[in-house]
């Protein structure tokens, strides 16, 4: 039968083993850990004895793909990045990727902020994607959103005499 343990951090219990598994191993589950951290715990046998140090590091993970919101206007697109899932370090930046099918361009944009891609050609369809970056790297690209800038329509003027 496997031993049972309790784990202390600064004198407070942060985890303990449950019933040992059939293969004589014990499992510990820690929650609330921060990515990219070095952690040291004191591990005690429940039956007594001197503590042993257990050291480990948590890894940072890349964020999930964000979504991008796009609204077309006259010769421009209004864009906004909405961050997806992120269990890693804080998101530091975002990037918009856009193309008219011929020329690919990028624009830096902080997630949550709105931005404008200007100087576009009315009637051309543009494909827009976004990524976000944290300490582990850049996320996968978002799904493609297509938008076409259009010139404003002139209001019709009634014929003379009406």
Foldseek 3Di string as FASTA:
>chain_A
DAFKKFKDDPRHTQWIWDDADPVRHTDTDGPPDAAQDKDWIWIAGPVDDGTDIDIDHHHFDWFAAWAKDWDAEAQKIKIATAGDGGPGADWDWKKKWKDLVPDIDMDTDRHPDIDMDGRHDAPGKMWMWMWIADPVGIYDIHDIDIDGHHYDDDDDDDPPPD
